């Protein structure tokens, strides 16, 4: 018998560095094997304090992991349940992204590459939940210009009601008449 000069296919123990990283990240967040890691970014999740960690953008999920002095935080946001993604400012610096997931706001800040992270998140969100993404972003699914809903939301957030005590609120039209 002649030995073949063709290289053998990769066995399970000969995975590339990317494949190993992908598997390790899926295991960390207990994700399905179909989830592929798109990219990861150093950032901080704003809670009572800033939790410095890493954001992982997968095919249909955005995950965050932080371990600050033994205080471990793991978040998994399914992009199908995200209702808005927008660039925001933090203390005058334009390095933050706000994600609304299941009605709760997640504020990620301290990005070195915020625009790149935003574009990838919006691209994956548009693929996972095209209805919400189209409603929020309008016809421009890249997220750069925004749509009617985004402008209306921004304008509504700037209006302050009489009981807001300095907090911005969304205006849903005229309320009940005051005597």
Foldseek 3Di string as FASTA:
>chain_A
DDDDPDDDPDDPVRDDPLVVVQVVVCVVQVHDPVKGWPDKWWWFKDDVHTFTFMWTDILFWIWTWGQDVNDIDIDIAGLQQWQDKDFDDDPNHRFWIWIQGPNDIIIIGDTPPRLVVSQSSLVSSCVNHVVSQCQFAPPPSSNPPTDPNVVLQVVQQPDDDPPNVPGGGGDPDDDDDDD
